[in-house]
Amino acid sequence: MILGIETSCDETSVALLESDGRVRVNLIASQIARHQPFGGVVPEIASREHLQHLFPLVSRALSDGAAQWSDVDSIAVTAGPGLIGALLVGVAGAQGLSYGLGIPIVPVNHLEGHIFSPFLQNEGPAAKLPARFLSLIISGGHSSIYDVRRGSATMLNRTRDDAIGETFDKVAKFIGLSYPGGPEIEKQSRRGRIDRARFPFPVPQFNDRSPDFSYSGIKAGAIRLARQHGIGVDGDPQSLADFAATFQEALIAQLIDRLSVIWSQLLTAGEAMPEEVAVAGGVAANSALRERITEWGAAHDVRVRLPEKRYCTDNAAMIAFAGLQKPESRTDPKRVSARSRIA
């Protein structure tokens, strides 16, 4: 088995995976309650929470997974990108275990974990990876599309400013909703109707026709409209719900627009097309988005692979699974270091 450790941001997670990608156990200690009073993640608090939870979770993972240390032949750990203090806790912990057990360590790029996460299953072994697929990563810190060929990922676009999850959080905070903002906006939107006349959110485009994402304009427009119409938790509940539904639709519309642009570009290139479009990251849990992108896949005759909701947010199972895809990266623990940014 492979032991996975994830501490890149505000969730401490430990997992045990079998060689076929079957998840024996995946444990997460969430820090949401600790960061809610501040409306976002406080790096120092996150690091201290990781220190407190990491090794108790490791012990519990072995117990819950009915495993012994002799069953573990490698350790996969998130080496970056992320909060440097948080990453250092996970990397140092993994290094100590690696030295003590005499087993290799696999440094994993956090984004690679998300790329492969849609193939993890609630039961049984992981789904087979296609030879080529598109990966749409949408989270609090990332909004990008990757072309993944035989495990190697090439970035096709990125966000030039705010990520989609970050935009959810910042607008939610402005109108008085609790952190994290994405689930709160989604909850409000279920009671609302899309009203583009009252809340106009155009899909932003670049003069150079770039397929990159840009959410700062939508964020600024949402704050302006919320102020103009008195939108907030203390205002009219129906107006809040309509605002949330329209704002959410605007964020999703840009995702669909950019995905369509990139799909058209790939068609023009004349190569064999990707077999699947895999969606990953915390925002992939959004029900409206899951419905819209599934409809997009049907219209473009391509399978859309959505992650199990338990694997949308940061988790160690995806890190361990990414480590299984990189047997050549197994190395000595002294060769692994935490990095807040990875090119």
C-alpha atoms as a PDB file:
ATOM      1  CA  MET A   1       0.000   0.000   0.000  1.00  0.00           C
ATOM      2  CA  ILE A   2       0.915   3.660  -0.313  1.00  0.00           C
ATOM      3  CA  LEU A   3       0.380   6.198   2.477  1.00  0.00           C
ATOM      4  CA  GLY A   4      -0.787   9.653   1.354  1.00  0.00           C
ATOM      5  CA  ILE A   5      -0.315  12.905   3.286  1.00  0.00           C
ATOM      6  CA  GLU A   6      -1.935  16.224   2.340  1.00  0.00           C
ATOM      7  CA  THR A   7      -1.356  19.493   4.255  1.00  0.00           C
ATOM      8  CA  SER A   8      -1.227  22.163   1.543  1.00  0.00           C
ATOM      9  CA  CYS A   9      -3.860  24.494   2.986  1.00  0.00           C
ATOM     10  CA  ASP A  10      -6.539  24.125   5.652  1.00  0.00           C
ATOM     11  CA  GLU A  11      -7.299  20.401   5.723  1.00  0.00           C
ATOM     12  CA  THR A  12      -5.074  17.743   7.242  1.00  0.00           C
ATOM     13  CA  SER A  13      -5.604  14.459   5.437  1.00  0.00           C
ATOM     14  CA  VAL A  14      -4.089  10.974   5.555  1.00  0.00           C
ATOM     15  CA  ALA A  15      -5.017   8.045   3.307  1.00  0.00           C
ATOM     16  CA  LEU A  16      -4.060   4.459   2.556  1.00  0.00           C
ATOM     17  CA  LEU A  17      -4.430   3.202  -1.020  1.00  0.00           C
ATOM     18  CA  GLU A  18      -3.842  -0.201  -2.517  1.00  0.00           C
ATOM     19  CA  SER A  19      -1.816  -0.570  -5.703  1.00  0.00           C
ATOM     20  CA  ASP A  20      -4.948  -0.629  -7.901  1.00  0.00           C
ATOM     21  CA  GLY A  21      -6.127   2.731  -6.517  1.00  0.00           C
ATOM     22  CA  ARG A  22      -8.635   1.194  -4.115  1.00  0.00           C
ATOM     23  CA  VAL A  23      -9.052   3.568  -1.178  1.00  0.00           C
ATOM     24  CA  ARG A  24      -8.593   1.632   2.057  1.00  0.00           C
ATOM     25  CA  VAL A  25      -9.104   4.718   4.206  1.00  0.00           C
ATOM     26  CA  ASN A  26      -9.189   8.491   3.648  1.00  0.00           C
ATOM     27  CA  LEU A  27      -9.308  10.708   6.731  1.00  0.00           C
ATOM     28  CA  ILE A  28      -9.689  14.488   6.828  1.00  0.00           C
ATOM     29  CA  ALA A  29      -9.453  16.871   9.772  1.00  0.00           C
ATOM     30  CA  SER A  30     -11.190  20.024   8.553  1.00  0.00           C
ATOM     31  CA  GLN A  31     -10.215  23.453   9.874  1.00  0.00           C
ATOM     32  CA  ILE A  32     -13.256  25.359   8.621  1.00  0.00           C
ATOM     33  CA  ALA A  33     -14.493  26.170  12.129  1.00  0.00           C
ATOM     34  CA  ARG A  34     -11.077  27.586  13.072  1.00  0.00           C
ATOM     35  CA  HIS A  35     -10.933  29.935  10.078  1.00  0.00           C
ATOM     36  CA  GLN A  36     -14.594  30.977   9.831  1.00  0.00           C
ATOM     37  CA  PRO A  37     -14.267  33.929  12.259  1.00  0.00           C
ATOM     38  CA  PHE A  38     -11.674  35.442   9.901  1.00  0.00           C
ATOM     39  CA  GLY A  39     -13.575  34.842   6.645  1.00  0.00           C
ATOM     40  CA  GLY A  40     -10.654  32.951   5.123  1.00  0.00           C
ATOM     41  CA  VAL A  41      -7.598  30.816   5.857  1.00  0.00           C
ATOM     42  CA  VAL A  42      -5.052  32.170   8.349  1.00  0.00           C
ATOM     43  CA  PRO A  43      -1.720  30.489   7.442  1.00  0.00           C
ATOM     44  CA  GLU A  44      -0.291  30.391  10.968  1.00  0.00           C
ATOM     45  CA  ILE A  45      -3.442  28.798  12.378  1.00  0.00           C
ATOM     46  CA  ALA A  46      -3.447  26.273   9.522  1.00  0.00           C
ATOM     47  CA  SER A  47       0.143  25.219  10.288  1.00  0.00           C
ATOM     48  CA  ARG A  48      -0.577  24.750  13.995  1.00  0.00           C
ATOM     49  CA  GLU A  49      -3.678  22.687  13.225  1.00  0.00           C
ATOM     50  CA  HIS A  50      -1.656  20.416  10.923  1.00  0.00           C
ATOM     51  CA  LEU A  51       0.887  19.866  13.691  1.00  0.00           C
ATOM     52  CA  GLN A  52      -1.890  18.878  16.044  1.00  0.00           C
ATOM     53  CA  HIS A  53      -3.739  16.494  13.721  1.00  0.00           C
ATOM     54  CA  LEU A  54      -1.186  14.855  11.403  1.00  0.00           C
ATOM     55  CA  PHE A  55       0.219  11.978  13.452  1.00  0.00           C
ATOM     56  CA  PRO A  56      -3.031  11.107  15.239  1.00  0.00           C
ATOM     57  CA  LEU A  57      -4.563  10.763  11.760  1.00  0.00           C
ATOM     58  CA  VAL A  58      -1.671   8.553  10.624  1.00  0.00           C
ATOM     59  CA  SER A  59      -2.232   6.232  13.600  1.00  0.00           C
ATOM     60  CA  ARG A  60      -5.971   6.188  13.016  1.00  0.00           C
ATOM     61  CA  ALA A  61      -5.529   5.475   9.292  1.00  0.00           C
ATOM     62  CA  LEU A  62      -3.540   2.342  10.068  1.00  0.00           C
ATOM     63  CA  SER A  63      -6.106   1.262  12.631  1.00  0.00           C
ATOM     64  CA  ASP A  64      -9.162   1.980  10.479  1.00  0.00           C
ATOM     65  CA  GLY A  65      -7.493   0.423   7.451  1.00  0.00           C
ATOM     66  CA  ALA A  66      -6.580  -2.748   9.362  1.00  0.00           C
ATOM     67  CA  ALA A  67      -2.989  -2.248   8.222  1.00  0.00           C
ATOM     68  CA  GLN A  68       0.496  -2.614   9.704  1.00  0.00           C
ATOM     69  CA  TRP A  69       3.514  -0.487   8.935  1.00  0.00           C
ATOM     70  CA  SER A  70       4.959  -3.500   7.114  1.00  0.00           C
ATOM     71  CA  ASP A  71       2.101  -3.174   4.601  1.00  0.00           C
ATOM     72  CA  VAL A  72       3.201   0.328   3.548  1.00  0.00           C
ATOM     73  CA  ASP A  73       5.906   0.414   0.877  1.00  0.00           C
ATOM     74  CA  SER A  74       5.975   4.156   0.057  1.00  0.00           C
ATOM     75  CA  ILE A  75       4.712   7.552   1.181  1.00  0.00           C
ATOM     76  CA  ALA A  76       3.225  10.191  -1.135  1.00  0.00           C
ATOM     77  CA  VAL A  77       3.174  13.741   0.228  1.00  0.00           C
ATOM     78  CA  THR A  78       2.083  17.079  -1.169  1.00  0.00           C
ATOM     79  CA  ALA A  79       5.292  19.052  -1.736  1.00  0.00           C
ATOM     80  CA  GLY A  80       3.569  22.116  -3.239  1.00  0.00           C
ATOM     81  CA  PRO A  81       2.076  24.428  -4.228  1.00  0.00           C
ATOM     82  CA  GLY A  82       0.367  25.716  -1.117  1.00  0.00           C
ATOM     83  CA  LEU A  83       0.957  27.558   2.144  1.00  0.00           C
ATOM     84  CA  ILE A  84       4.627  27.053   2.936  1.00  0.00           C
ATOM     85  CA  GLY A  85       4.153  26.567   6.677  1.00  0.00           C
ATOM     86  CA  ALA A  86       1.393  24.031   6.118  1.00  0.00           C
ATOM     87  CA  LEU A  87       3.425  22.167   3.488  1.00  0.00           C
ATOM     88  CA  LEU A  88       6.455  21.985   5.780  1.00  0.00           C
ATOM     89  CA  VAL A  89       4.426  20.116   8.396  1.00  0.00           C
ATOM     90  CA  GLY A  90       3.370  17.424   5.931  1.00  0.00           C
ATOM     91  CA  VAL A  91       6.744  17.102   4.226  1.00  0.00           C
ATOM     92  CA  ALA A  92       8.667  16.925   7.513  1.00  0.00           C
ATOM     93  CA  GLY A  93       6.222  14.349   8.850  1.00  0.00           C
ATOM     94  CA  ALA A  94       6.547  12.242   5.717  1.00  0.00           C
ATOM     95  CA  GLN A  95      10.336  12.510   5.824  1.00  0.00           C
ATOM     96  CA  GLY A  96      10.402  11.300   9.419  1.00  0.00           C
ATOM     97  CA  LEU A  97       8.232   8.309   8.590  1.00  0.00           C
ATOM     98  CA  SER A  98      10.288   7.572   5.490  1.00  0.00           C
ATOM     99  CA  TYR A  99      13.547   7.584   7.454  1.00  0.00           C
ATOM    100  CA  GLY A 100      12.108   5.560  10.303  1.00  0.00           C
ATOM    101  CA  LEU A 101      10.515   2.896   8.108  1.00  0.00           C
ATOM    102  CA  GLY A 102      13.240   2.801   5.461  1.00  0.00           C
ATOM    103  CA  ILE A 103      10.766   3.283   2.611  1.00  0.00           C
ATOM    104  CA  PRO A 104      10.847   5.782  -0.274  1.00  0.00           C
ATOM    105  CA  ILE A 105       8.907   9.025  -0.475  1.00  0.00           C
ATOM    106  CA  VAL A 106       7.072  10.413  -3.521  1.00  0.00           C
ATOM    107  CA  PRO A 107       6.775  14.225  -3.724  1.00  0.00           C
ATOM    108  CA  VAL A 108       3.461  15.122  -5.380  1.00  0.00           C
ATOM    109  CA  ASN A 109       2.344  18.345  -7.000  1.00  0.00           C
ATOM    110  CA  HIS A 110      -0.992  19.229  -5.383  1.00  0.00           C
ATOM    111  CA  LEU A 111      -2.490  19.979  -8.810  1.00  0.00           C
ATOM    112  CA  GLU A 112      -1.549  16.501 -10.043  1.00  0.00           C
ATOM    113  CA  GLY A 113      -3.566  15.146  -7.160  1.00  0.00           C
ATOM    114  CA  HIS A 114      -6.614  17.052  -8.376  1.00  0.00           C
ATOM    115  CA  ILE A 115      -6.008  15.992 -11.979  1.00  0.00           C
ATOM    116  CA  PHE A 116      -6.271  12.301 -11.083  1.00  0.00           C
ATOM    117  CA  SER A 117      -8.923  12.617  -8.337  1.00  0.00           C
ATOM    118  CA  PRO A 118     -11.985  12.090 -10.618  1.00  0.00           C
ATOM    119  CA  PHE A 119     -10.830   8.524 -11.247  1.00  0.00           C
ATOM    120  CA  LEU A 120     -11.062   7.510  -7.582  1.00  0.00           C
ATOM    121  CA  GLN A 121     -14.173   5.518  -6.716  1.00  0.00           C
ATOM    122  CA  ASN A 122     -16.230   5.287  -3.536  1.00  0.00           C
ATOM    123  CA  GLU A 123     -15.960   1.505  -3.799  1.00  0.00           C
ATOM    124  CA  GLY A 124     -13.469  -0.705  -5.595  1.00  0.00           C
ATOM    125  CA  PRO A 125     -10.340   0.099  -7.604  1.00  0.00           C
ATOM    126  CA  ALA A 126      -9.798   3.398  -9.388  1.00  0.00           C
ATOM    127  CA  ALA A 127     -11.139   3.816 -12.913  1.00  0.00           C
ATOM    128  CA  LYS A 128      -8.697   3.282 -15.746  1.00  0.00           C
ATOM    129  CA  LEU A 129      -6.971   6.452 -16.904  1.00  0.00           C
ATOM    130  CA  PRO A 130      -7.615   7.350 -20.566  1.00  0.00           C
ATOM    131  CA  ALA A 131      -4.610   7.794 -22.825  1.00  0.00           C
ATOM    132  CA  ARG A 132      -5.667  11.439 -23.221  1.00  0.00           C
ATOM    133  CA  PHE A 133      -8.152  13.571 -21.306  1.00  0.00           C
ATOM    134  CA  LEU A 134      -8.808  17.191 -20.440  1.00  0.00           C
ATOM    135  CA  SER A 135      -8.645  18.162 -16.776  1.00  0.00           C
ATOM    136  CA  LEU A 136     -10.623  21.183 -15.568  1.00  0.00           C
ATOM    137  CA  ILE A 137      -9.355  22.143 -12.109  1.00  0.00           C
ATOM    138  CA  ILE A 138     -11.607  24.599 -10.297  1.00  0.00           C
ATOM    139  CA  SER A 139     -10.972  25.454  -6.669  1.00  0.00           C
ATOM    140  CA  GLY A 140     -10.290  28.295  -4.277  1.00  0.00           C
ATOM    141  CA  GLY A 141      -6.817  28.854  -5.670  1.00  0.00           C
ATOM    142  CA  HIS A 142      -6.911  27.399  -9.179  1.00  0.00           C
ATOM    143  CA  SER A 143      -8.912  27.695 -12.392  1.00  0.00           C
ATOM    144  CA  SER A 144      -7.116  25.955 -15.249  1.00  0.00           C
ATOM    145  CA  ILE A 145      -7.601  23.432 -18.027  1.00  0.00           C
ATOM    146  CA  TYR A 146      -4.898  20.821 -18.708  1.00  0.00           C
ATOM    147  CA  ASP A 147      -4.317  18.462 -21.608  1.00  0.00           C
ATOM    148  CA  VAL A 148      -3.275  15.185 -19.949  1.00  0.00           C
ATOM    149  CA  ARG A 149      -1.565  12.612 -22.165  1.00  0.00           C
ATOM    150  CA  ARG A 150      -0.394   9.365 -20.597  1.00  0.00           C
ATOM    151  CA  GLY A 151      -0.087  11.025 -17.206  1.00  0.00           C
ATOM    152  CA  SER A 152       1.787  14.118 -18.407  1.00  0.00           C
ATOM    153  CA  ALA A 153      -0.164  17.388 -18.098  1.00  0.00           C
ATOM    154  CA  THR A 154       0.158  20.496 -20.263  1.00  0.00           C
ATOM    155  CA  MET A 155      -1.616  23.686 -19.169  1.00  0.00           C
ATOM    156  CA  LEU A 156      -3.932  25.067 -21.857  1.00  0.00           C
ATOM    157  CA  ASN A 157      -5.249  28.048 -19.922  1.00  0.00           C
ATOM    158  CA  ARG A 158      -5.260  29.602 -16.453  1.00  0.00           C
ATOM    159  CA  THR A 159      -6.912  32.378 -14.522  1.00  0.00           C
ATOM    160  CA  ARG A 160      -5.300  35.773 -14.957  1.00  0.00           C
ATOM    161  CA  ASP A 161      -6.554  37.008 -11.599  1.00  0.00           C
ATOM    162  CA  ASP A 162      -9.024  35.449  -9.142  1.00  0.00           C
ATOM    163  CA  ALA A 163      -9.859  31.753  -9.175  1.00  0.00           C
ATOM    164  CA  ILE A 164     -13.517  30.732  -9.276  1.00  0.00           C
ATOM    165  CA  GLY A 165     -13.600  29.431  -5.706  1.00  0.00           C
ATOM    166  CA  GLU A 166     -11.888  32.570  -4.460  1.00  0.00           C
ATOM    167  CA  THR A 167     -14.543  34.641  -6.233  1.00  0.00           C
ATOM    168  CA  PHE A 168     -17.328  32.659  -4.560  1.00  0.00           C
ATOM    169  CA  ASP A 169     -15.724  33.242  -1.151  1.00  0.00           C
ATOM    170  CA  LYS A 170     -15.064  36.965  -1.531  1.00  0.00           C
ATOM    171  CA  VAL A 171     -18.536  37.840  -2.805  1.00  0.00           C
ATOM    172  CA  ALA A 172     -20.170  35.609  -0.182  1.00  0.00           C
ATOM    173  CA  LYS A 173     -18.204  37.386   2.537  1.00  0.00           C
ATOM    174  CA  PHE A 174     -19.280  40.796   1.213  1.00  0.00           C
ATOM    175  CA  ILE A 175     -22.986  39.919   1.413  1.00  0.00           C
ATOM    176  CA  GLY A 176     -22.634  38.412   4.880  1.00  0.00           C
ATOM    177  CA  LEU A 177     -22.558  34.676   4.155  1.00  0.00           C
ATOM    178  CA  SER A 178     -20.222  32.427   6.117  1.00  0.00           C
ATOM    179  CA  TYR A 179     -16.940  30.874   4.961  1.00  0.00           C
ATOM    180  CA  PRO A 180     -16.496  28.891   2.750  1.00  0.00           C
ATOM    181  CA  GLY A 181     -18.671  30.936   0.418  1.00  0.00           C
ATOM    182  CA  GLY A 182     -19.241  28.505  -2.454  1.00  0.00           C
ATOM    183  CA  PRO A 183     -21.592  26.122  -0.621  1.00  0.00           C
ATOM    184  CA  GLU A 184     -23.436  29.102   0.915  1.00  0.00           C
ATOM    185  CA  ILE A 185     -23.985  30.753  -2.483  1.00  0.00           C
ATOM    186  CA  GLU A 186     -25.209  27.427  -3.880  1.00  0.00           C
ATOM    187  CA  LYS A 187     -27.603  26.979  -0.960  1.00  0.00           C
ATOM    188  CA  GLN A 188     -29.077  30.449  -1.499  1.00  0.00           C
ATOM    189  CA  SER A 189     -29.315  29.938  -5.276  1.00  0.00           C
ATOM    190  CA  ARG A 190     -31.657  26.965  -4.892  1.00  0.00           C
ATOM    191  CA  ARG A 191     -34.408  29.347  -3.753  1.00  0.00           C
ATOM    192  CA  GLY A 192     -33.703  31.917  -6.448  1.00  0.00           C
ATOM    193  CA  ARG A 193     -34.283  32.535 -10.123  1.00  0.00           C
ATOM    194  CA  ILE A 194     -31.735  33.774 -12.639  1.00  0.00           C
ATOM    195  CA  ASP A 195     -32.441  37.470 -13.273  1.00  0.00           C
ATOM    196  CA  ARG A 196     -29.929  38.829 -15.781  1.00  0.00           C
ATOM    197  CA  ALA A 197     -31.920  42.025 -16.287  1.00  0.00           C
ATOM    198  CA  ARG A 198     -31.535  43.028 -12.659  1.00  0.00           C
ATOM    199  CA  PHE A 199     -28.085  41.479 -12.187  1.00  0.00           C
ATOM    200  CA  PRO A 200     -26.215  41.716 -15.520  1.00  0.00           C
ATOM    201  CA  PHE A 201     -23.016  39.648 -15.587  1.00  0.00           C
ATOM    202  CA  PRO A 202     -21.475  39.500 -19.084  1.00  0.00           C
ATOM    203  CA  VAL A 203     -18.968  36.739 -19.902  1.00  0.00           C
ATOM    204  CA  PRO A 204     -15.600  38.566 -20.001  1.00  0.00           C
ATOM    205  CA  GLN A 205     -13.476  38.278 -23.138  1.00  0.00           C
ATOM    206  CA  PHE A 206      -9.889  39.318 -23.883  1.00  0.00           C
ATOM    207  CA  ASN A 207      -8.896  41.456 -26.857  1.00  0.00           C
ATOM    208  CA  ASP A 208      -6.272  38.865 -27.807  1.00  0.00           C
ATOM    209  CA  ARG A 209      -9.008  36.160 -27.804  1.00  0.00           C
ATOM    210  CA  SER A 210      -7.163  34.241 -25.121  1.00  0.00           C
ATOM    211  CA  PRO A 211      -9.030  31.272 -23.576  1.00  0.00           C
ATOM    212  CA  ASP A 212      -7.775  32.261 -20.114  1.00  0.00           C
ATOM    213  CA  PHE A 213     -10.223  32.726 -17.262  1.00  0.00           C
ATOM    214  CA  SER A 214     -10.752  36.080 -15.539  1.00  0.00           C
ATOM    215  CA  TYR A 215     -13.013  36.387 -12.517  1.00  0.00           C
ATOM    216  CA  SER A 216     -11.956  39.728 -11.031  1.00  0.00           C
ATOM    217  CA  GLY A 217     -14.437  41.649 -13.203  1.00  0.00           C
ATOM    218  CA  ILE A 218     -17.338  39.429 -12.142  1.00  0.00           C
ATOM    219  CA  LYS A 219     -16.256  39.777  -8.518  1.00  0.00           C
ATOM    220  CA  ALA A 220     -16.123  43.582  -8.745  1.00  0.00           C
ATOM    221  CA  GLY A 221     -19.437  43.686 -10.621  1.00  0.00           C
ATOM    222  CA  ALA A 222     -21.105  41.438  -8.049  1.00  0.00           C
ATOM    223  CA  ILE A 223     -19.970  43.644  -5.182  1.00  0.00           C
ATOM    224  CA  ARG A 224     -21.177  46.752  -7.024  1.00  0.00           C
ATOM    225  CA  LEU A 225     -24.587  45.192  -7.771  1.00  0.00           C
ATOM    226  CA  ALA A 226     -24.946  43.884  -4.226  1.00  0.00           C
ATOM    227  CA  ARG A 227     -24.269  47.357  -2.848  1.00  0.00           C
ATOM    228  CA  GLN A 228     -26.593  48.982  -5.405  1.00  0.00           C
ATOM    229  CA  HIS A 229     -29.531  46.635  -4.649  1.00  0.00           C
ATOM    230  CA  GLY A 230     -28.919  46.225  -0.929  1.00  0.00           C
ATOM    231  CA  ILE A 231     -28.198  42.508  -1.221  1.00  0.00           C
ATOM    232  CA  GLY A 232     -27.235  40.818   2.033  1.00  0.00           C
ATOM    233  CA  VAL A 233     -28.275  38.395   4.734  1.00  0.00           C
ATOM    234  CA  ASP A 234     -30.145  41.209   6.505  1.00  0.00           C
ATOM    235  CA  GLY A 235     -32.026  42.280   3.359  1.00  0.00           C
ATOM    236  CA  ASP A 236     -34.822  40.783   1.275  1.00  0.00           C
ATOM    237  CA  PRO A 237     -34.373  36.966   1.239  1.00  0.00           C
ATOM    238  CA  GLN A 238     -35.749  36.549  -2.299  1.00  0.00           C
ATOM    239  CA  SER A 239     -33.458  39.233  -3.700  1.00  0.00           C
ATOM    240  CA  LEU A 240     -30.518  37.487  -2.016  1.00  0.00           C
ATOM    241  CA  ALA A 241     -31.553  34.165  -3.548  1.00  0.00           C
ATOM    242  CA  ASP A 242     -31.998  35.679  -7.035  1.00  0.00           C
ATOM    243  CA  PHE A 243     -28.627  37.431  -6.776  1.00  0.00           C
ATOM    244  CA  ALA A 244     -26.934  34.182  -5.711  1.00  0.00           C
ATOM    245  CA  ALA A 245     -28.525  32.214  -8.569  1.00  0.00           C
ATOM    246  CA  THR A 246     -27.530  34.810 -11.181  1.00  0.00           C
ATOM    247  CA  PHE A 247     -24.010  35.252  -9.805  1.00  0.00           C
ATOM    248  CA  GLN A 248     -23.438  31.483  -9.706  1.00  0.00           C
ATOM    249  CA  GLU A 249     -24.702  31.142 -13.281  1.00  0.00           C
ATOM    250  CA  ALA A 250     -22.264  33.852 -14.419  1.00  0.00           C
ATOM    251  CA  LEU A 251     -19.302  31.999 -12.913  1.00  0.00           C
ATOM    252  CA  ILE A 252     -20.366  28.728 -14.532  1.00  0.00           C
ATOM    253  CA  ALA A 253     -21.030  30.430 -17.886  1.00  0.00           C
ATOM    254  CA  GLN A 254     -17.407  31.517 -18.137  1.00  0.00           C
ATOM    255  CA  LEU A 255     -16.203  27.975 -17.428  1.00  0.00           C
ATOM    256  CA  ILE A 256     -18.422  26.577 -20.171  1.00  0.00           C
ATOM    257  CA  ASP A 257     -17.406  29.340 -22.581  1.00  0.00           C
ATOM    258  CA  ARG A 258     -13.662  28.737 -22.143  1.00  0.00           C
ATOM    259  CA  LEU A 259     -14.048  24.975 -22.270  1.00  0.00           C
ATOM    260  CA  SER A 260     -15.930  25.331 -25.572  1.00  0.00           C
ATOM    261  CA  VAL A 261     -13.208  27.580 -26.993  1.00  0.00           C
ATOM    262  CA  ILE A 262     -10.452  25.132 -26.099  1.00  0.00           C
ATOM    263  CA  TRP A 263     -12.474  22.181 -27.417  1.00  0.00           C
ATOM    264  CA  SER A 264     -12.901  24.004 -30.745  1.00  0.00           C
ATOM    265  CA  GLN A 265      -9.166  24.722 -30.875  1.00  0.00           C
ATOM    266  CA  LEU A 266      -8.387  21.039 -30.340  1.00  0.00           C
ATOM    267  CA  LEU A 267     -10.829  20.061 -33.086  1.00  0.00           C
ATOM    268  CA  THR A 268      -9.102  22.468 -35.464  1.00  0.00           C
ATOM    269  CA  ALA A 269      -5.703  20.947 -34.656  1.00  0.00           C
ATOM    270  CA  GLY A 270      -6.819  17.731 -36.334  1.00  0.00           C
ATOM    271  CA  GLU A 271      -5.408  15.319 -33.737  1.00  0.00           C
ATOM    272  CA  ALA A 272      -7.220  12.502 -31.972  1.00  0.00           C
ATOM    273  CA  MET A 273      -9.485  14.197 -29.439  1.00  0.00           C
ATOM    274  CA  PRO A 274      -9.381  13.642 -25.666  1.00  0.00           C
ATOM    275  CA  GLU A 275     -11.465  10.673 -24.575  1.00  0.00           C
ATOM    276  CA  GLU A 276     -12.864  12.395 -21.497  1.00  0.00           C
ATOM    277  CA  VAL A 277     -13.172  15.726 -19.706  1.00  0.00           C
ATOM    278  CA  ALA A 278     -12.415  15.268 -16.006  1.00  0.00           C
ATOM    279  CA  VAL A 279     -13.523  17.965 -13.546  1.00  0.00           C
ATOM    280  CA  ALA A 280     -11.727  18.389 -10.226  1.00  0.00           C
ATOM    281  CA  GLY A 281     -11.358  20.703  -7.250  1.00  0.00           C
ATOM    282  CA  GLY A 282     -13.661  21.994  -4.547  1.00  0.00           C
ATOM    283  CA  VAL A 283     -15.985  23.843  -6.941  1.00  0.00           C
ATOM    284  CA  ALA A 284     -16.596  20.533  -8.760  1.00  0.00           C
ATOM    285  CA  ALA A 285     -18.969  19.687  -5.896  1.00  0.00           C
ATOM    286  CA  ASN A 286     -21.358  22.445  -7.025  1.00  0.00           C
ATOM    287  CA  SER A 287     -24.561  20.759  -8.223  1.00  0.00           C
ATOM    288  CA  ALA A 288     -25.478  23.419 -10.811  1.00  0.00           C
ATOM    289  CA  LEU A 289     -22.024  23.194 -12.348  1.00  0.00           C
ATOM    290  CA  ARG A 290     -22.138  19.403 -12.437  1.00  0.00           C
ATOM    291  CA  GLU A 291     -25.454  19.557 -14.291  1.00  0.00           C
ATOM    292  CA  ARG A 292     -24.299  22.184 -16.785  1.00  0.00           C
ATOM    293  CA  ILE A 293     -21.017  20.535 -17.654  1.00  0.00           C
ATOM    294  CA  THR A 294     -22.683  17.125 -18.039  1.00  0.00           C
ATOM    295  CA  GLU A 295     -25.055  18.742 -20.544  1.00  0.00           C
ATOM    296  CA  TRP A 296     -22.045  20.269 -22.317  1.00  0.00           C
ATOM    297  CA  GLY A 297     -20.435  16.824 -22.577  1.00  0.00           C
ATOM    298  CA  ALA A 298     -23.588  15.323 -24.085  1.00  0.00           C
ATOM    299  CA  ALA A 299     -23.757  18.133 -26.645  1.00  0.00           C
ATOM    300  CA  HIS A 300     -20.093  17.597 -27.618  1.00  0.00           C
ATOM    301  CA  ASP A 301     -20.265  13.790 -27.563  1.00  0.00           C
ATOM    302  CA  VAL A 302     -17.563  13.380 -24.920  1.00  0.00           C
ATOM    303  CA  ARG A 303     -17.712  11.773 -21.502  1.00  0.00           C
ATOM    304  CA  VAL A 304     -17.532  14.177 -18.579  1.00  0.00           C
ATOM    305  CA  ARG A 305     -16.032  12.502 -15.517  1.00  0.00           C
ATOM    306  CA  LEU A 306     -17.093  14.127 -12.265  1.00  0.00           C
ATOM    307  CA  PRO A 307     -15.304  13.332  -9.006  1.00  0.00           C
ATOM    308  CA  GLU A 308     -17.052  11.710  -6.101  1.00  0.00           C
ATOM    309  CA  LYS A 309     -17.930  14.632  -3.846  1.00  0.00           C
ATOM    310  CA  ARG A 310     -15.715  13.319  -1.038  1.00  0.00           C
ATOM    311  CA  TYR A 311     -12.712  13.709  -3.368  1.00  0.00           C
ATOM    312  CA  CYS A 312     -13.502  17.243  -4.580  1.00  0.00           C
ATOM    313  CA  THR A 313     -11.855  19.078  -1.696  1.00  0.00           C
ATOM    314  CA  ASP A 314      -8.216  18.603  -0.697  1.00  0.00           C
ATOM    315  CA  ASN A 315      -7.638  15.020   0.410  1.00  0.00           C
ATOM    316  CA  ALA A 316      -4.785  12.551   0.803  1.00  0.00           C
ATOM    317  CA  ALA A 317      -6.403   9.833  -1.332  1.00  0.00           C
ATOM    318  CA  MET A 318      -5.834  11.900  -4.465  1.00  0.00           C
ATOM    319  CA  ILE A 319      -2.228  12.570  -3.417  1.00  0.00           C
ATOM    320  CA  ALA A 320      -1.592   8.866  -2.873  1.00  0.00           C
ATOM    321  CA  PHE A 321      -3.225   8.032  -6.215  1.00  0.00           C
ATOM    322  CA  ALA A 322      -1.069  10.620  -7.988  1.00  0.00           C
ATOM    323  CA  GLY A 323       1.943   9.032  -6.290  1.00  0.00           C
ATOM    324  CA  LEU A 324       0.962   5.665  -7.741  1.00  0.00           C
ATOM    325  CA  GLN A 325       1.178   7.224 -11.232  1.00  0.00           C
ATOM    326  CA  LYS A 326       4.803   8.257 -10.595  1.00  0.00           C
ATOM    327  CA  PRO A 327       6.788   5.166  -9.554  1.00  0.00           C
ATOM    328  CA  GLU A 328       9.892   6.726 -11.103  1.00  0.00           C
ATOM    329  CA  SER A 329       9.639   9.630  -8.635  1.00  0.00           C
ATOM    330  CA  ARG A 330      10.176   7.494  -5.534  1.00  0.00           C
ATOM    331  CA  THR A 331      13.199   8.943  -3.827  1.00  0.00           C
ATOM    332  CA  ASP A 332      15.187   9.418  -0.660  1.00  0.00           C
ATOM    333  CA  PRO A 333      13.484  11.734   1.874  1.00  0.00           C
ATOM    334  CA  LYS A 334      16.409  14.156   1.983  1.00  0.00           C
ATOM    335  CA  ARG A 335      15.778  14.951  -1.682  1.00  0.00           C
ATOM    336  CA  VAL A 336      12.256  16.251  -0.976  1.00  0.00           C
ATOM    337  CA  SER A 337      11.494  19.841  -0.032  1.00  0.00           C
ATOM    338  CA  ALA A 338       8.335  21.906   0.359  1.00  0.00           C
ATOM    339  CA  ARG A 339       7.738  24.679  -2.170  1.00  0.00           C
ATOM    340  CA  SER A 340       4.919  27.211  -2.042  1.00  0.00           C
ATOM    341  CA  ARG A 341       5.064  27.601  -5.826  1.00  0.00           C
ATOM    342  CA  ILE A 342       5.779  25.001  -8.479  1.00  0.00           C
ATOM    343  CA  ALA A 343       6.238  26.072 -12.102  1.00  0.00           C
END
